[in-house]
Amino acid sequence: MIENDWFVKNLADITNFNILKAYTKESTALGASLVSGIGIGYYKGFDNIKSLTNMSNKLQSTIDKNLRKKIIENWHNAVQKTIEMAD
């Protein structure tokens, strides 16, 4: 998912969160191994592993709150209609 700039940009817009894209394509595996390293005491904590991850860019929301609200409202309506069709 992270390689799809359109998806990540829309995710940032809808959630209103800044999203950092990693250079590493297998970020999940890297994250799991780093957290395991913390778990076994190899790293003292998250502050010690920040330097081991490189971010390629930061995607920020660029839509206004009214548009975001409308998109989320439309999504909820679509989910509700889908549930009603299944009944």
PDB file of N, CA and C in Angstrom:
ATOM      1  N   MET A   1       0.809  -1.197   0.000  1.00  0.00           N
ATOM      2  CA  MET A   1       0.000   0.000   0.000  1.00  0.00           C
ATOM      3  C   MET A   1       0.852   1.261   0.000  1.00  0.00           C
ATOM      4  N   ILE A   2       1.940   1.228   0.718  1.00  0.00           N
ATOM      5  CA  ILE A   2       2.736   2.434   0.899  1.00  0.00           C
ATOM      6  C   ILE A   2       3.372   2.908  -0.411  1.00  0.00           C
ATOM      7  N   GLU A   3       3.511   2.015  -1.380  1.00  0.00           N
ATOM      8  CA  GLU A   3       4.088   2.416  -2.664  1.00  0.00           C
ATOM      9  C   GLU A   3       3.083   3.165  -3.531  1.00  0.00           C
ATOM     10  N   ASN A   4       1.813   3.072  -3.203  1.00  0.00           N
ATOM     11  CA  ASN A   4       0.771   3.728  -3.970  1.00  0.00           C
ATOM     12  C   ASN A   4       0.568   5.145  -3.423  1.00  0.00           C
ATOM     13  N   ASP A   5       1.184   6.125  -4.082  1.00  0.00           N
ATOM     14  CA  ASP A   5       1.117   7.509  -3.603  1.00  0.00           C
ATOM     15  C   ASP A   5      -0.318   8.019  -3.517  1.00  0.00           C
ATOM     16  N   TRP A   6      -1.160   7.645  -4.482  1.00  0.00           N
ATOM     17  CA  TRP A   6      -2.558   8.082  -4.474  1.00  0.00           C
ATOM     18  C   TRP A   6      -3.263   7.577  -3.220  1.00  0.00           C
ATOM     19  N   PHE A   7      -3.073   6.305  -2.900  1.00  0.00           N
ATOM     20  CA  PHE A   7      -3.709   5.721  -1.716  1.00  0.00           C
ATOM     21  C   PHE A   7      -3.238   6.415  -0.442  1.00  0.00           C
ATOM     22  N   VAL A   8      -1.932   6.599  -0.321  1.00  0.00           N
ATOM     23  CA  VAL A   8      -1.370   7.196   0.892  1.00  0.00           C
ATOM     24  C   VAL A   8      -1.825   8.649   1.034  1.00  0.00           C
ATOM     25  N   LYS A   9      -1.861   9.382  -0.064  1.00  0.00           N
ATOM     26  CA  LYS A   9      -2.322  10.777  -0.026  1.00  0.00           C
ATOM     27  C   LYS A   9      -3.778  10.840   0.411  1.00  0.00           C
ATOM     28  N   ASN A  10      -4.622   9.958  -0.126  1.00  0.00           N
ATOM     29  CA  ASN A  10      -6.028   9.933   0.277  1.00  0.00           C
ATOM     30  C   ASN A  10      -6.178   9.523   1.733  1.00  0.00           C
ATOM     31  N   LEU A  11      -5.349   8.613   2.183  1.00  0.00           N
ATOM     32  CA  LEU A  11      -5.371   8.210   3.588  1.00  0.00           C
ATOM     33  C   LEU A  11      -5.037   9.407   4.483  1.00  0.00           C
ATOM     34  N   ALA A  12      -4.043  10.184   4.095  1.00  0.00           N
ATOM     35  CA  ALA A  12      -3.681  11.389   4.850  1.00  0.00           C
ATOM     36  C   ALA A  12      -4.832  12.392   4.847  1.00  0.00           C
ATOM     37  N   ASP A  13      -5.464  12.567   3.685  1.00  0.00           N
ATOM     38  CA  ASP A  13      -6.582  13.508   3.584  1.00  0.00           C
ATOM     39  C   ASP A  13      -7.754  13.098   4.468  1.00  0.00           C
ATOM     40  N   ILE A  14      -8.123  11.832   4.427  1.00  0.00           N
ATOM     41  CA  ILE A  14      -9.304  11.363   5.155  1.00  0.00           C
ATOM     42  C   ILE A  14      -9.059  11.301   6.658  1.00  0.00           C
ATOM     43  N   THR A  15      -7.882  10.863   7.061  1.00  0.00           N
ATOM     44  CA  THR A  15      -7.596  10.727   8.496  1.00  0.00           C
ATOM     45  C   THR A  15      -7.094  12.021   9.127  1.00  0.00           C
ATOM     46  N   ASN A  16      -6.661  12.960   8.292  1.00  0.00           N
ATOM     47  CA  ASN A  16      -6.066  14.217   8.746  1.00  0.00           C
ATOM     48  C   ASN A  16      -4.792  13.975   9.560  1.00  0.00           C
ATOM     49  N   PHE A  17      -4.072  12.919   9.201  1.00  0.00           N
ATOM     50  CA  PHE A  17      -2.779  12.613   9.811  1.00  0.00           C
ATOM     51  C   PHE A  17      -1.680  12.836   8.787  1.00  0.00           C
ATOM     52  N   ASN A  18      -0.509  13.233   9.258  1.00  0.00           N
ATOM     53  CA  ASN A  18       0.672  13.248   8.405  1.00  0.00           C
ATOM     54  C   ASN A  18       1.174  11.818   8.312  1.00  0.00           C
ATOM     55  N   ILE A  19       1.502  11.375   7.117  1.00  0.00           N
ATOM     56  CA  ILE A  19       1.972  10.011   6.925  1.00  0.00           C
ATOM     57  C   ILE A  19       3.396  10.054   6.393  1.00  0.00           C
ATOM     58  N   LEU A  20       4.284   9.381   7.089  1.00  0.00           N
ATOM     59  CA  LEU A  20       5.678   9.293   6.672  1.00  0.00           C
ATOM     60  C   LEU A  20       5.868   8.025   5.861  1.00  0.00           C
ATOM     61  N   LYS A  21       6.387   8.177   4.665  1.00  0.00           N
ATOM     62  CA  LYS A  21       6.678   7.017   3.824  1.00  0.00           C
ATOM     63  C   LYS A  21       8.117   6.586   4.057  1.00  0.00           C
ATOM     64  N   ALA A  22       8.299   5.309   4.244  1.00  0.00           N
ATOM     65  CA  ALA A  22       9.633   4.764   4.484  1.00  0.00           C
ATOM     66  C   ALA A  22      10.298   4.377   3.170  1.00  0.00           C
ATOM     67  N   TYR A  23      11.624   4.456   3.147  1.00  0.00           N
ATOM     68  CA  TYR A  23      12.371   3.952   2.002  1.00  0.00           C
ATOM     69  C   TYR A  23      12.230   2.436   1.899  1.00  0.00           C
ATOM     70  N   THR A  24      12.150   1.789   3.043  1.00  0.00           N
ATOM     71  CA  THR A  24      12.087   0.331   3.093  1.00  0.00           C
ATOM     72  C   THR A  24      10.728  -0.155   2.622  1.00  0.00           C
ATOM     73  N   LYS A  25      10.720  -0.994   1.592  1.00  0.00           N
ATOM     74  CA  LYS A  25       9.455  -1.529   1.086  1.00  0.00           C
ATOM     75  C   LYS A  25       8.834  -2.502   2.074  1.00  0.00           C
ATOM     76  N   GLU A  26       9.642  -3.225   2.787  1.00  0.00           N
ATOM     77  CA  GLU A  26       9.152  -4.213   3.758  1.00  0.00           C
ATOM     78  C   GLU A  26       9.166  -3.615   5.159  1.00  0.00           C
ATOM     79  N   SER A  27       8.461  -2.518   5.327  1.00  0.00           N
ATOM     80  CA  SER A  27       8.448  -1.808   6.606  1.00  0.00           C
ATOM     81  C   SER A  27       7.867  -2.645   7.730  1.00  0.00           C
ATOM     82  N   THR A  28       6.883  -3.476   7.421  1.00  0.00           N
ATOM     83  CA  THR A  28       6.261  -4.296   8.457  1.00  0.00           C
ATOM     84  C   THR A  28       7.272  -5.262   9.048  1.00  0.00           C
ATOM     85  N   ALA A  29       8.042  -5.906   8.195  1.00  0.00           N
ATOM     86  CA  ALA A  29       9.055  -6.854   8.669  1.00  0.00           C
ATOM     87  C   ALA A  29      10.136  -6.126   9.467  1.00  0.00           C
ATOM     88  N   LEU A  30      10.549  -4.969   8.981  1.00  0.00           N
ATOM     89  CA  LEU A  30      11.553  -4.188   9.702  1.00  0.00           C
ATOM     90  C   LEU A  30      11.014  -3.773  11.070  1.00  0.00           C
ATOM     91  N   GLY A  31       9.786  -3.284  11.096  1.00  0.00           N
ATOM     92  CA  GLY A  31       9.181  -2.871  12.361  1.00  0.00           C
ATOM     93  C   GLY A  31       9.078  -4.010  13.349  1.00  0.00           C
ATOM     94  N   ALA A  32       8.672  -5.178  12.861  1.00  0.00           N
ATOM     95  CA  ALA A  32       8.553  -6.346  13.741  1.00  0.00           C
ATOM     96  C   ALA A  32       9.908  -6.731  14.321  1.00  0.00           C
ATOM     97  N   SER A  33      10.934  -6.680  13.494  1.00  0.00           N
ATOM     98  CA  SER A  33      12.260  -7.062  13.991  1.00  0.00           C
ATOM     99  C   SER A  33      12.797  -6.034  14.988  1.00  0.00           C
ATOM    100  N   LEU A  34      12.533  -4.752  14.746  1.00  0.00           N
ATOM    101  CA  LEU A  34      13.003  -3.726  15.677  1.00  0.00           C
ATOM    102  C   LEU A  34      12.277  -3.815  17.018  1.00  0.00           C
ATOM    103  N   VAL A  35      10.967  -4.043  16.975  1.00  0.00           N
ATOM    104  CA  VAL A  35      10.213  -4.191  18.226  1.00  0.00           C
ATOM    105  C   VAL A  35      10.660  -5.447  18.965  1.00  0.00           C
ATOM    106  N   SER A  36      10.970  -6.508  18.216  1.00  0.00           N
ATOM    107  CA  SER A  36      11.514  -7.718  18.853  1.00  0.00           C
ATOM    108  C   SER A  36      12.836  -7.409  19.540  1.00  0.00           C
ATOM    109  N   GLY A  37      13.649  -6.589  18.888  1.00  0.00           N
ATOM    110  CA  GLY A  37      14.925  -6.184  19.484  1.00  0.00           C
ATOM    111  C   GLY A  37      14.734  -5.435  20.793  1.00  0.00           C
ATOM    112  N   ILE A  38      13.679  -4.621  20.854  1.00  0.00           N
ATOM    113  CA  ILE A  38      13.360  -3.941  22.116  1.00  0.00           C
ATOM    114  C   ILE A  38      12.909  -4.971  23.146  1.00  0.00           C
ATOM    115  N   GLY A  39      12.080  -5.913  22.703  1.00  0.00           N
ATOM    116  CA  GLY A  39      11.544  -6.931  23.604  1.00  0.00           C
ATOM    117  C   GLY A  39      12.610  -7.788  24.263  1.00  0.00           C
ATOM    118  N   ILE A  40      13.669  -8.095  23.528  1.00  0.00           N
ATOM    119  CA  ILE A  40      14.726  -8.946  24.101  1.00  0.00           C
ATOM    120  C   ILE A  40      15.836  -8.132  24.760  1.00  0.00           C
ATOM    121  N   GLY A  41      15.686  -6.797  24.721  1.00  0.00           N
ATOM    122  CA  GLY A  41      16.658  -5.942  25.386  1.00  0.00           C
ATOM    123  C   GLY A  41      17.833  -5.518  24.529  1.00  0.00           C
ATOM    124  N   TYR A  42      17.823  -5.862  23.231  1.00  0.00           N
ATOM    125  CA  TYR A  42      18.911  -5.453  22.340  1.00  0.00           C
ATOM    126  C   TYR A  42      18.926  -3.929  22.194  1.00  0.00           C
ATOM    127  N   TYR A  43      17.728  -3.339  22.083  1.00  0.00           N
ATOM    128  CA  TYR A  43      17.577  -1.883  22.072  1.00  0.00           C
ATOM    129  C   TYR A  43      16.870  -1.490  23.359  1.00  0.00           C
ATOM    130  N   LYS A  44      17.227  -0.318  23.899  1.00  0.00           N
ATOM    131  CA  LYS A  44      16.624   0.114  25.168  1.00  0.00           C
ATOM    132  C   LYS A  44      15.196   0.609  24.988  1.00  0.00           C
ATOM    133  N   GLY A  45      14.873   1.132  23.827  1.00  0.00           N
ATOM    134  CA  GLY A  45      13.522   1.657  23.609  1.00  0.00           C
ATOM    135  C   GLY A  45      13.383   2.233  22.218  1.00  0.00           C
ATOM    136  N   PHE A  46      12.236   2.812  21.960  1.00  0.00           N
ATOM    137  CA  PHE A  46      11.944   3.330  20.626  1.00  0.00           C
ATOM    138  C   PHE A  46      12.870   4.471  20.228  1.00  0.00           C
ATOM    139  N   ASP A  47      13.304   5.258  21.185  1.00  0.00           N
ATOM    140  CA  ASP A  47      14.230   6.350  20.862  1.00  0.00           C
ATOM    141  C   ASP A  47      15.536   5.818  20.275  1.00  0.00           C
ATOM    142  N   ASN A  48      15.932   4.618  20.672  1.00  0.00           N
ATOM    143  CA  ASN A  48      17.175   4.029  20.179  1.00  0.00           C
ATOM    144  C   ASN A  48      17.068   3.489  18.758  1.00  0.00           C
ATOM    145  N   ILE A  49      15.865   3.279  18.263  1.00  0.00           N
ATOM    146  CA  ILE A  49      15.728   2.704  16.917  1.00  0.00           C
ATOM    147  C   ILE A  49      15.295   3.721  15.869  1.00  0.00           C
ATOM    148  N   LYS A  50      14.990   4.949  16.283  1.00  0.00           N
ATOM    149  CA  LYS A  50      14.564   5.969  15.322  1.00  0.00           C
ATOM    150  C   LYS A  50      15.596   6.185  14.224  1.00  0.00           C
ATOM    151  N   SER A  51      16.850   6.151  14.577  1.00  0.00           N
ATOM    152  CA  SER A  51      17.906   6.403  13.591  1.00  0.00           C
ATOM    153  C   SER A  51      18.055   5.249  12.599  1.00  0.00           C
ATOM    154  N   LEU A  52      17.455   4.108  12.875  1.00  0.00           N
ATOM    155  CA  LEU A  52      17.558   2.947  11.986  1.00  0.00           C
ATOM    156  C   LEU A  52      16.507   2.956  10.882  1.00  0.00           C
ATOM    157  N   THR A  53      15.573   3.886  10.960  1.00  0.00           N
ATOM    158  CA  THR A  53      14.528   3.972   9.940  1.00  0.00           C
ATOM    159  C   THR A  53      14.694   5.268   9.168  1.00  0.00           C
ATOM    160  N   ASN A  54      14.566   5.189   7.859  1.00  0.00           N
ATOM    161  CA  ASN A  54      14.684   6.363   6.998  1.00  0.00           C
ATOM    162  C   ASN A  54      13.356   6.608   6.304  1.00  0.00           C
ATOM    163  N   MET A  55      12.907   7.838   6.334  1.00  0.00           N
ATOM    164  CA  MET A  55      11.658   8.200   5.692  1.00  0.00           C
ATOM    165  C   MET A  55      11.954   8.928   4.391  1.00  0.00           C
ATOM    166  N   SER A  56      11.221   8.572   3.336  1.00  0.00           N
ATOM    167  CA  SER A  56      11.467   9.185   2.039  1.00  0.00           C
ATOM    168  C   SER A  56      10.716  10.499   1.886  1.00  0.00           C
ATOM    169  N   ASN A  57       9.490  10.570   2.377  1.00  0.00           N
ATOM    170  CA  ASN A  57       8.769  11.837   2.350  1.00  0.00           C
ATOM    171  C   ASN A  57       7.569  11.792   3.282  1.00  0.00           C
ATOM    172  N   LYS A  58       7.006  12.960   3.487  1.00  0.00           N
ATOM    173  CA  LYS A  58       5.875  13.104   4.399  1.00  0.00           C
ATOM    174  C   LYS A  58       4.683  13.592   3.592  1.00  0.00           C
ATOM    175  N   LEU A  59       3.575  12.879   3.700  1.00  0.00           N
ATOM    176  CA  LEU A  59       2.358  13.278   3.007  1.00  0.00           C
ATOM    177  C   LEU A  59       1.408  13.894   4.023  1.00  0.00           C
ATOM    178  N   GLN A  60       0.889  15.063   3.682  1.00  0.00           N
ATOM    179  CA  GLN A  60       0.003  15.786   4.585  1.00  0.00           C
ATOM    180  C   GLN A  60      -1.354  15.979   3.933  1.00  0.00           C
ATOM    181  N   SER A  61      -2.351  16.121   4.767  1.00  0.00           N
ATOM    182  CA  SER A  61      -3.692  16.394   4.274  1.00  0.00           C
ATOM    183  C   SER A  61      -3.734  17.781   3.646  1.00  0.00           C
ATOM    184  N   THR A  62      -4.417  17.882   2.511  1.00  0.00           N
ATOM    185  CA  THR A  62      -4.553  19.177   1.845  1.00  0.00           C
ATOM    186  C   THR A  62      -6.014  19.544   1.612  1.00  0.00           C
ATOM    187  N   ILE A  63      -6.946  18.724   2.124  1.00  0.00           N
ATOM    188  CA  ILE A  63      -8.359  19.044   1.927  1.00  0.00           C
ATOM    189  C   ILE A  63      -8.896  19.756   3.166  1.00  0.00           C
ATOM    190  N   ASP A  64      -9.954  20.543   2.964  1.00  0.00           N
ATOM    191  CA  ASP A  64     -10.517  21.247   4.117  1.00  0.00           C
ATOM    192  C   ASP A  64     -11.426  20.319   4.916  1.00  0.00           C
ATOM    193  N   LYS A  65     -11.721  20.727   6.141  1.00  0.00           N
ATOM    194  CA  LYS A  65     -12.451  19.853   7.057  1.00  0.00           C
ATOM    195  C   LYS A  65     -13.871  19.563   6.583  1.00  0.00           C
ATOM    196  N   ASN A  66     -14.492  20.473   5.850  1.00  0.00           N
ATOM    197  CA  ASN A  66     -15.850  20.221   5.354  1.00  0.00           C
ATOM    198  C   ASN A  66     -15.862  19.124   4.296  1.00  0.00           C
ATOM    199  N   LEU A  67     -14.870  19.144   3.410  1.00  0.00           N
ATOM    200  CA  LEU A  67     -14.774  18.088   2.402  1.00  0.00           C
ATOM    201  C   LEU A  67     -14.463  16.752   3.068  1.00  0.00           C
ATOM    202  N   ARG A  68     -13.561  16.751   4.036  1.00  0.00           N
ATOM    203  CA  ARG A  68     -13.227  15.525   4.769  1.00  0.00           C
ATOM    204  C   ARG A  68     -14.482  14.956   5.431  1.00  0.00           C
ATOM    205  N   LYS A  69     -15.244  15.823   6.073  1.00  0.00           N
ATOM    206  CA  LYS A  69     -16.473  15.401   6.749  1.00  0.00           C
ATOM    207  C   LYS A  69     -17.450  14.788   5.747  1.00  0.00           C
ATOM    208  N   LYS A  70     -17.590  15.393   4.577  1.00  0.00           N
ATOM    209  CA  LYS A  70     -18.508  14.891   3.544  1.00  0.00           C
ATOM    210  C   LYS A  70     -18.044  13.530   3.020  1.00  0.00           C
ATOM    211  N   ILE A  71     -16.748  13.363   2.801  1.00  0.00           N
ATOM    212  CA  ILE A  71     -16.211  12.079   2.323  1.00  0.00           C
ATOM    213  C   ILE A  71     -16.502  10.979   3.336  1.00  0.00           C
ATOM    214  N   ILE A  72     -16.266  11.263   4.608  1.00  0.00           N
ATOM    215  CA  ILE A  72     -16.503  10.261   5.655  1.00  0.00           C
ATOM    216  C   ILE A  72     -17.992   9.958   5.773  1.00  0.00           C
ATOM    217  N   GLU A  73     -18.820  10.976   5.684  1.00  0.00           N
ATOM    218  CA  GLU A  73     -20.275  10.787   5.733  1.00  0.00           C
ATOM    219  C   GLU A  73     -20.741   9.906   4.570  1.00  0.00           C
ATOM    220  N   ASN A  74     -20.234  10.169   3.376  1.00  0.00           N
ATOM    221  CA  ASN A  74     -20.594   9.352   2.207  1.00  0.00           C
ATOM    222  C   ASN A  74     -20.149   7.908   2.388  1.00  0.00           C
ATOM    223  N   TRP A  75     -18.978   7.717   2.980  1.00  0.00           N
ATOM    224  CA  TRP A  75     -18.484   6.362   3.214  1.00  0.00           C
ATOM    225  C   TRP A  75     -19.396   5.628   4.186  1.00  0.00           C
ATOM    226  N   HIS A  76     -19.784   6.293   5.278  1.00  0.00           N
ATOM    227  CA  HIS A  76     -20.693   5.677   6.248  1.00  0.00           C
ATOM    228  C   HIS A  76     -22.027   5.313   5.592  1.00  0.00           C
ATOM    229  N   ASN A  77     -22.540   6.201   4.746  1.00  0.00           N
ATOM    230  CA  ASN A  77     -23.790   5.918   4.034  1.00  0.00           C
ATOM    231  C   ASN A  77     -23.643   4.705   3.123  1.00  0.00           C
ATOM    232  N   ALA A  78     -22.526   4.611   2.421  1.00  0.00           N
ATOM    233  CA  ALA A  78     -22.293   3.469   1.528  1.00  0.00           C
ATOM    234  C   ALA A  78     -22.203   2.167   2.317  1.00  0.00           C
ATOM    235  N   VAL A  79     -21.531   2.197   3.458  1.00  0.00           N
ATOM    236  CA  VAL A  79     -21.432   1.001   4.300  1.00  0.00           C
ATOM    237  C   VAL A  79     -22.813   0.599   4.796  1.00  0.00           C
ATOM    238  N   GLN A  80     -23.606   1.566   5.241  1.00  0.00           N
ATOM    239  CA  GLN A  80     -24.952   1.273   5.741  1.00  0.00           C
ATOM    240  C   GLN A  80     -25.818   0.662   4.645  1.00  0.00           C
ATOM    241  N   LYS A  81     -25.748   1.196   3.432  1.00  0.00           N
ATOM    242  CA  LYS A  81     -26.534   0.645   2.319  1.00  0.00           C
ATOM    243  C   LYS A  81     -26.094  -0.772   1.988  1.00  0.00           C
ATOM    244  N   THR A  82     -24.806  -1.027   2.077  1.00  0.00           N
ATOM    245  CA  THR A  82     -24.294  -2.377   1.823  1.00  0.00           C
ATOM    246  C   THR A  82     -24.810  -3.350   2.872  1.00  0.00           C
ATOM    247  N   ILE A  83     -24.821  -2.932   4.123  1.00  0.00           N
ATOM    248  CA  ILE A  83     -25.335  -3.781   5.203  1.00  0.00           C
ATOM    249  C   ILE A  83     -26.818  -4.064   4.987  1.00  0.00           C
ATOM    250  N   GLU A  84     -27.561  -3.039   4.605  1.00  0.00           N
ATOM    251  CA  GLU A  84     -28.995  -3.212   4.360  1.00  0.00           C
ATOM    252  C   GLU A  84     -29.252  -4.175   3.209  1.00  0.00           C
ATOM    253  N   MET A  85     -28.419  -4.146   2.186  1.00  0.00           N
ATOM    254  CA  MET A  85     -28.581  -5.063   1.050  1.00  0.00           C
ATOM    255  C   MET A  85     -28.332  -6.502   1.474  1.00  0.00           C
ATOM    256  N   ALA A  86     -27.469  -6.703   2.446  1.00  0.00           N
ATOM    257  CA  ALA A  86     -27.127  -8.055   2.890  1.00  0.00           C
ATOM    258  C   ALA A  86     -28.222  -8.661   3.759  1.00  0.00           C
ATOM    259  N   ASP A  87     -29.063  -7.818   4.341  1.00  0.00           N
ATOM    260  CA  ASP A  87     -30.129  -8.325   5.229  1.00  0.00           C
ATOM    261  C   ASP A  87     -31.247  -8.979   4.485  1.00  0.00           C
TER     262      ASP A  87
END
